[in-house]
Amino acid sequence: MSDALTTLLAEKGTLLADGATGTNLFAMGLMSGDAPELWNEEEPQKIKALYKGAVDAGSDVFLTNSFGANASRLKLHDAGHRAFELSKIAAELGREVADAAGRKVIVAGSVGPTGDIMEPVGSLTHVDAVEMFHETAAGLKAGGADIGWLETISAPEEYTAAAEGFARAELPWVGTMSFDTAGRTMMGVTSTDMATLVAGLDFPPVAFGANCGTGASDLLRTVLGFAATGTTLPIIAKGNAGIPKYHDGHIHYDGTPELMGDYAAMARNCGATIIGGCCGTTPAHLEKMREALDTRAVQAAPSLDAIVEALGAFSSASDGTGDDDNRPTRKRRGRRAA
């Protein structure tokens, strides 16, 4: 039986996901160091406003406020025992917004990393990691999430443990990794490595891809890497809205809504069919992304030079796969990196 995300993707061809969680919650008053997940209970109207902002901007999919709703992260706020409960509330609030949208909108239960490093490098065991992911996934499912959405993962061991957690909860899922340095995750995974990992899982995601990382140019190079593997799974692109800048005590991202519209169209040309924003992406950005996807024709995949021209420089000479060592890294006549 097909999951709701796969069904909607088959109907529409391309789906617009949502934007940032933290950026938008900070704008609503969340303070640095606070646990956003506690707002599910303390500030439910603000969380629903977060979700509604994405829906009103045209998103087909939005993520729940549950990125850090696992026992390891929540214990830092004396709430480690509340992972299931806070995940459930996050999804319930999302279900309210989606059901009132007047069109089909997917509630994706956000699941972030545990914050611990797994064995043998760290102390987190596979068994404990699976249990944490299962607890969060079960809460999201109980709250009405259509699908689980694993994001910002660096280690293949953690990605595998999450897959097992979703399997135990019997919740279909998608999963993205964050490619930060020279086209690799913090733990050294390349786009090719990730595609191979996903293909070998016993309970694979229904879509996979990249989120966060560095600029939009780097993320699109990673998406091209996924597509080059010949994968038949839908590819996700969820890039940051520009480069972070520190100003007046806050982090701001310099990518304009117009540039994120260009990014969205290029992401589709690169092979992504589920396209959203990550850090810095507001409803204003999403509106331009929606417009671009609705009004621009699909074109051939861009060259690396064309990506640099449109979105700015890559942060490294190579994406880690060995086939682009001499490609451009310096910004050409295009606009500032997104």
Protein backbone atom coordinates (compact mmCIF):
# COMPACT_ATOMS: atom_id res chain seq x y z
CA MET A 1 0.00 0.00 0.00
CA SER A 2 1.48 3.34 -1.07
CA ASP A 3 2.22 6.06 1.47
CA ALA A 4 0.64 9.51 1.23
CA LEU A 5 3.83 11.24 0.11
CA THR A 6 4.47 8.83 -2.74
CA THR A 7 0.85 9.11 -3.85
CA LEU A 8 0.91 12.91 -3.91
CA LEU A 9 4.26 12.94 -5.70
CA ALA A 10 2.86 10.64 -8.38
CA GLU A 11 -0.06 13.02 -8.84
CA LYS A 12 1.93 16.27 -8.98
CA GLY A 13 5.35 15.26 -10.28
CA THR A 14 7.19 17.72 -8.03
CA LEU A 15 6.47 18.65 -4.42
CA LEU A 16 7.41 21.83 -2.59
CA ALA A 17 8.52 21.12 0.96
CA ASP A 18 8.74 23.73 3.71
CA GLY A 19 11.51 26.01 4.93
CA ALA A 20 13.33 26.55 8.20
CA THR A 21 12.02 25.70 11.65
CA GLY A 22 14.57 27.44 13.86
CA THR A 23 14.79 30.63 11.80
CA ASN A 24 11.05 31.14 11.89
CA LEU A 25 10.64 30.20 15.56
CA PHE A 26 13.42 32.62 16.58
CA ALA A 27 11.46 35.31 14.77
CA MET A 28 8.48 34.37 16.97
CA GLY A 29 10.48 34.78 20.17
CA LEU A 30 12.27 31.49 20.76
CA MET A 31 15.53 32.16 22.57
CA SER A 32 18.89 30.60 21.81
CA GLY A 33 19.40 27.56 24.00
CA ASP A 34 15.69 26.87 24.42
CA ALA A 35 14.25 23.53 23.30
CA PRO A 36 11.88 24.28 20.38
CA GLU A 37 10.02 21.02 21.07
CA LEU A 38 8.78 22.32 24.42
CA TRP A 39 6.87 24.98 22.50
CA ASN A 40 4.61 22.22 21.17
CA GLU A 41 3.02 22.26 24.61
CA GLU A 42 3.79 25.80 25.79
CA GLU A 43 3.13 27.76 22.56
CA PRO A 44 0.91 25.59 20.35
CA GLN A 45 -0.53 28.57 18.45
CA LYS A 46 2.95 29.64 17.40
CA ILE A 47 3.77 26.14 16.22
CA LYS A 48 0.58 26.02 14.20
CA ALA A 49 1.48 29.44 12.78
CA LEU A 50 4.85 27.99 11.74
CA TYR A 51 3.14 25.17 9.89
CA LYS A 52 0.48 27.40 8.39
CA GLY A 53 3.10 29.81 7.09
CA ALA A 54 4.53 27.05 4.91
CA VAL A 55 1.10 25.85 3.78
CA ASP A 56 -0.09 29.35 2.90
CA ALA A 57 3.12 29.90 0.89
CA GLY A 58 2.29 26.84 -1.21
CA SER A 59 4.16 23.96 0.41
CA ASP A 60 2.87 20.47 -0.28
CA VAL A 61 4.84 19.05 2.65
CA PHE A 62 5.80 20.54 6.01
CA LEU A 63 7.95 19.16 8.79
CA THR A 64 6.83 18.95 12.39
CA ASN A 65 8.58 20.73 15.26
CA SER A 66 10.22 17.55 16.52
CA PHE A 67 13.78 17.69 15.17
CA GLY A 68 15.28 17.32 18.64
CA ALA A 69 12.48 15.25 20.18
CA ASN A 70 14.62 12.33 21.22
CA ALA A 71 15.70 11.20 24.67
CA SER A 72 19.33 12.21 24.23
CA ARG A 73 18.67 15.81 23.16
CA LEU A 74 15.71 16.37 25.47
CA LYS A 75 17.62 15.22 28.54
CA LEU A 76 19.58 18.47 28.27
CA HIS A 77 16.30 20.19 29.17
CA ASP A 78 15.26 17.64 31.83
CA ALA A 79 12.71 16.25 29.39
CA GLY A 80 14.38 13.07 28.15
CA HIS A 81 11.36 11.05 29.27
CA ARG A 82 8.99 13.12 27.10
CA ALA A 83 10.22 12.23 23.61
CA PHE A 84 7.12 10.24 22.64
CA GLU A 85 4.75 12.81 24.12
CA LEU A 86 6.32 15.89 22.53
CA SER A 87 6.62 14.14 19.17
CA LYS A 88 2.96 13.19 19.32
CA ILE A 89 1.88 16.76 20.10
CA ALA A 90 4.03 18.10 17.25
CA ALA A 91 2.26 15.81 14.80
CA GLU A 92 -1.19 16.48 16.23
CA LEU A 93 -0.73 20.22 15.71
CA GLY A 94 0.46 19.52 12.19
CA ARG A 95 -2.52 17.31 11.50
CA GLU A 96 -4.86 20.18 12.49
CA VAL A 97 -3.18 22.56 10.05
CA ALA A 98 -2.98 20.06 7.19
CA ASP A 99 -6.60 18.96 7.56
CA ALA A 100 -7.76 22.58 7.41
CA ALA A 101 -5.69 23.43 4.32
CA GLY A 102 -8.40 22.71 1.76
CA ARG A 103 -5.98 20.60 -0.30
CA LYS A 104 -3.77 17.60 0.28
CA VAL A 105 -0.78 18.53 2.44
CA ILE A 106 1.65 16.00 3.87
CA VAL A 107 2.57 16.10 7.56
CA ALA A 108 6.18 14.92 7.76
CA GLY A 109 7.45 14.01 11.21
CA SER A 110 10.88 15.58 11.58
CA VAL A 111 13.52 13.37 13.18
CA GLY A 112 16.99 14.79 13.72
CA PRO A 113 20.20 13.18 14.93
CA THR A 114 20.55 12.03 18.52
CA GLY A 115 23.41 14.43 19.16
CA ASP A 116 25.61 11.52 20.29
CA ILE A 117 28.35 9.76 18.34
CA MET A 118 27.80 6.07 17.74
CA GLU A 119 30.18 3.23 18.44
CA PRO A 120 32.97 2.50 17.74
CA VAL A 121 34.01 6.18 17.60
CA GLY A 122 31.57 7.26 20.32
CA SER A 123 29.62 5.61 23.11
CA LEU A 124 26.09 5.39 21.65
CA THR A 125 25.21 1.77 20.90
CA HIS A 126 23.13 0.66 17.94
CA VAL A 127 20.48 -0.77 20.25
CA ASP A 128 20.10 2.48 22.18
CA ALA A 129 20.00 4.55 19.00
CA VAL A 130 17.30 2.36 17.49
CA GLU A 131 15.23 2.67 20.64
CA MET A 132 15.48 6.47 20.62
CA PHE A 133 14.48 6.69 16.97
CA HIS A 134 11.65 4.22 17.50
CA GLU A 135 10.27 6.24 20.40
CA THR A 136 10.20 9.44 18.36
CA ALA A 137 8.78 7.72 15.27
CA ALA A 138 6.06 6.04 17.32
CA GLY A 139 5.05 9.38 18.83
CA LEU A 140 4.88 11.02 15.42
CA LYS A 141 2.78 8.17 14.05
CA ALA A 142 0.43 8.33 17.04
CA GLY A 143 -0.02 12.06 16.43
CA GLY A 144 -1.04 11.57 12.81
CA ALA A 145 2.13 12.17 10.80
CA ASP A 146 1.84 10.86 7.25
CA ILE A 147 5.52 10.01 7.04
CA GLY A 148 8.73 10.22 9.02
CA TRP A 149 11.39 12.68 7.82
CA LEU A 150 14.94 11.97 8.97
CA GLU A 151 17.23 14.96 8.40
CA THR A 152 20.70 16.39 8.98
CA ILE A 153 22.37 13.01 9.50
CA SER A 154 26.13 12.63 9.05
CA ALA A 155 26.93 9.03 10.02
CA PRO A 156 25.78 5.97 8.06
CA GLU A 157 25.47 4.05 11.33
CA GLU A 158 22.95 6.58 12.64
CA TYR A 159 21.02 6.58 9.36
CA THR A 160 20.80 2.77 9.56
CA ALA A 161 19.65 2.87 13.19
CA ALA A 162 16.94 5.38 12.29
CA ALA A 163 15.74 3.12 9.47
CA GLU A 164 15.31 0.33 11.99
CA GLY A 165 13.46 2.67 14.34
CA PHE A 166 11.01 3.65 11.61
CA ALA A 167 10.57 -0.03 10.72
CA ARG A 168 9.64 -0.89 14.29
CA ALA A 169 7.10 1.93 14.31
CA GLU A 170 5.82 0.80 10.89
CA LEU A 171 6.10 4.38 9.67
CA PRO A 172 7.19 5.03 6.06
CA TRP A 173 9.98 7.55 5.92
CA VAL A 174 12.36 9.70 3.91
CA GLY A 175 15.87 10.60 4.94
CA THR A 176 18.40 13.30 4.16
CA MET A 177 22.02 13.78 5.11
CA SER A 178 23.93 17.05 5.50
CA PHE A 179 26.97 17.43 3.24
CA ASP A 180 29.25 19.98 4.80
CA THR A 181 32.89 19.66 3.78
CA ALA A 182 34.20 18.96 0.27
CA GLY A 183 30.95 17.32 -0.72
CA ARG A 184 30.99 14.92 2.22
CA THR A 185 29.11 14.66 5.48
CA MET A 186 30.98 15.26 8.72
CA MET A 187 31.60 11.50 8.84
CA GLY A 188 32.92 11.35 5.28
CA VAL A 189 29.87 10.10 3.36
CA THR A 190 29.64 11.17 -0.31
CA SER A 191 26.55 11.34 -2.50
CA THR A 192 27.51 8.01 -4.06
CA ASP A 193 28.06 6.45 -0.64
CA MET A 194 24.62 7.58 0.49
CA ALA A 195 22.85 6.17 -2.57
CA THR A 196 24.58 2.84 -1.96
CA LEU A 197 23.64 2.91 1.73
CA VAL A 198 19.98 3.63 0.98
CA ALA A 199 19.78 0.84 -1.61
CA GLY A 200 21.04 -1.71 0.90
CA LEU A 201 18.66 -0.99 3.79
CA ASP A 202 16.10 -3.60 4.83
CA PHE A 203 13.50 -0.85 5.37
CA PRO A 204 14.59 1.81 2.88
CA PRO A 205 13.22 5.34 2.67
CA VAL A 206 10.68 6.20 -0.02
CA ALA A 207 12.86 9.20 -0.96
CA PHE A 208 16.31 10.43 0.03
CA GLY A 209 18.56 13.41 -0.46
CA ALA A 210 20.41 16.31 1.11
CA ASN A 211 19.55 19.14 3.47
CA CYS A 212 21.34 22.04 5.13
CA GLY A 213 25.11 21.82 4.59
CA THR A 214 26.76 24.84 3.00
CA GLY A 215 25.37 26.90 0.13
CA ALA A 216 22.81 26.08 -2.51
CA SER A 217 25.50 25.50 -5.14
CA ASP A 218 27.11 22.73 -3.11
CA LEU A 219 23.77 21.12 -2.40
CA LEU A 220 22.86 21.02 -6.09
CA ARG A 221 26.21 19.45 -6.91
CA THR A 222 25.34 16.74 -4.38
CA VAL A 223 21.92 16.27 -5.99
CA LEU A 224 23.65 15.79 -9.35
CA GLY A 225 25.75 13.16 -7.63
CA PHE A 226 22.66 11.30 -6.47
CA ALA A 227 21.13 11.43 -9.94
CA ALA A 228 24.35 10.14 -11.52
CA THR A 229 24.04 6.89 -9.54
CA GLY A 230 20.91 5.97 -11.50
CA THR A 231 18.77 5.71 -8.38
CA THR A 232 15.07 5.17 -8.99
CA LEU A 233 14.04 6.75 -5.69
CA PRO A 234 12.81 10.35 -5.58
CA ILE A 235 15.55 12.80 -4.63
CA ILE A 236 15.12 15.52 -1.99
CA ALA A 237 16.84 18.92 -2.10
CA LYS A 238 16.46 21.14 0.96
CA GLY A 239 19.11 23.85 0.83
CA ASN A 240 19.86 26.81 3.06
CA ALA A 241 18.67 30.27 2.05
CA GLY A 242 22.10 31.77 1.60
CA ILE A 243 25.18 32.09 3.75
CA PRO A 244 24.83 32.79 7.49
CA LYS A 245 25.91 36.24 8.70
CA TYR A 246 26.04 37.41 12.32
CA HIS A 247 24.29 40.76 12.79
CA ASP A 248 22.90 42.48 15.91
CA GLY A 249 23.19 39.35 18.00
CA HIS A 250 21.43 37.08 15.52
CA ILE A 251 22.28 34.84 12.60
CA HIS A 252 20.81 35.97 9.28
CA TYR A 253 20.95 34.23 5.91
CA ASP A 254 21.63 36.35 2.85
CA GLY A 255 19.79 34.38 0.16
CA THR A 256 16.95 36.43 -1.31
CA PRO A 257 13.51 35.00 -2.14
CA GLU A 258 14.26 35.54 -5.84
CA LEU A 259 17.50 33.59 -5.63
CA MET A 260 15.74 30.74 -3.83
CA GLY A 261 13.26 30.68 -6.69
CA ASP A 262 16.19 30.14 -9.06
CA TYR A 263 17.54 27.45 -6.74
CA ALA A 264 14.21 25.60 -6.72
CA ALA A 265 13.98 25.51 -10.51
CA MET A 266 17.59 24.37 -10.81
CA ALA A 267 17.11 21.71 -8.15
CA ARG A 268 14.34 20.19 -10.24
CA ASN A 269 16.54 20.34 -13.33
CA CYS A 270 19.26 18.54 -11.36
CA GLY A 271 16.89 15.67 -10.65
CA ALA A 272 15.18 16.53 -7.36
CA THR A 273 11.43 16.10 -7.17
CA ILE A 274 10.91 17.08 -3.52
CA ILE A 275 12.33 20.58 -3.08
CA GLY A 276 12.35 22.82 -0.03
CA GLY A 277 14.54 25.13 1.99
CA CYS A 278 16.46 24.71 5.20
CA CYS A 279 18.11 27.31 7.47
CA GLY A 280 17.05 30.88 6.74
CA THR A 281 14.12 29.91 4.51
CA THR A 282 10.96 31.87 5.33
CA PRO A 283 7.47 31.85 3.78
CA ALA A 284 8.60 34.74 1.55
CA HIS A 285 11.27 32.46 0.08
CA LEU A 286 8.79 29.62 -0.29
CA GLU A 287 6.40 31.81 -2.25
CA LYS A 288 9.08 32.50 -4.86
CA MET A 289 10.02 28.83 -4.93
CA ARG A 290 6.39 27.88 -5.50
CA GLU A 291 6.13 30.43 -8.29
CA ALA A 292 9.29 29.15 -9.97
CA LEU A 293 8.18 25.52 -9.87
CA ASP A 294 4.74 26.42 -11.21
CA THR A 295 5.81 28.75 -14.02
CA ARG A 296 9.20 27.57 -15.28
CA ALA A 297 9.59 24.66 -17.66
CA VAL A 298 11.80 21.73 -16.72
CA GLN A 299 15.14 21.94 -18.51
CA ALA A 300 18.20 19.76 -18.91
CA ALA A 301 20.44 19.29 -15.91
CA PRO A 302 22.75 22.30 -15.54
CA SER A 303 26.52 22.06 -15.78
CA LEU A 304 28.59 22.87 -12.73
CA ASP A 305 29.60 26.11 -14.45
CA ALA A 306 25.92 27.03 -14.87
CA ILE A 307 25.25 26.38 -11.16
CA VAL A 308 28.15 28.66 -10.20
CA GLU A 309 26.94 31.30 -12.63
CA ALA A 310 23.44 31.33 -11.16
CA LEU A 311 23.97 30.62 -7.47
CA GLY A 312 27.57 31.35 -6.65
CA ALA A 313 30.80 29.56 -5.82
CA PHE A 314 31.21 26.04 -4.53
CA SER A 315 32.92 25.86 -1.16
CA SER A 316 35.35 23.19 -2.36
CA ALA A 317 36.95 22.06 -5.60
CA SER A 318 35.44 18.57 -5.44
CA ASP A 319 32.25 16.90 -4.29
CA GLY A 320 34.28 13.97 -2.99
CA THR A 321 33.35 11.50 -5.73
CA GLY A 322 36.51 12.04 -7.75
CA ASP A 323 34.99 13.10 -11.06
CA ASP A 324 35.07 16.88 -10.77
CA ASP A 325 38.45 17.74 -9.30
CA ASN A 326 39.05 20.63 -11.68
CA ARG A 327 35.61 22.18 -11.76
CA PRO A 328 35.06 25.88 -10.94
CA THR A 329 35.05 27.10 -7.37
CA ARG A 330 35.36 30.83 -7.90
CA LYS A 331 32.27 32.90 -8.34
CA ARG A 332 31.75 34.13 -11.87
CA ARG A 333 29.32 36.75 -13.05
CA GLY A 334 26.39 35.35 -11.07
CA ARG A 335 24.84 36.68 -7.94
CA ARG A 336 25.89 36.03 -4.41
CA ALA A 337 25.90 32.43 -3.22
CA ALA A 338 22.56 31.23 -1.88
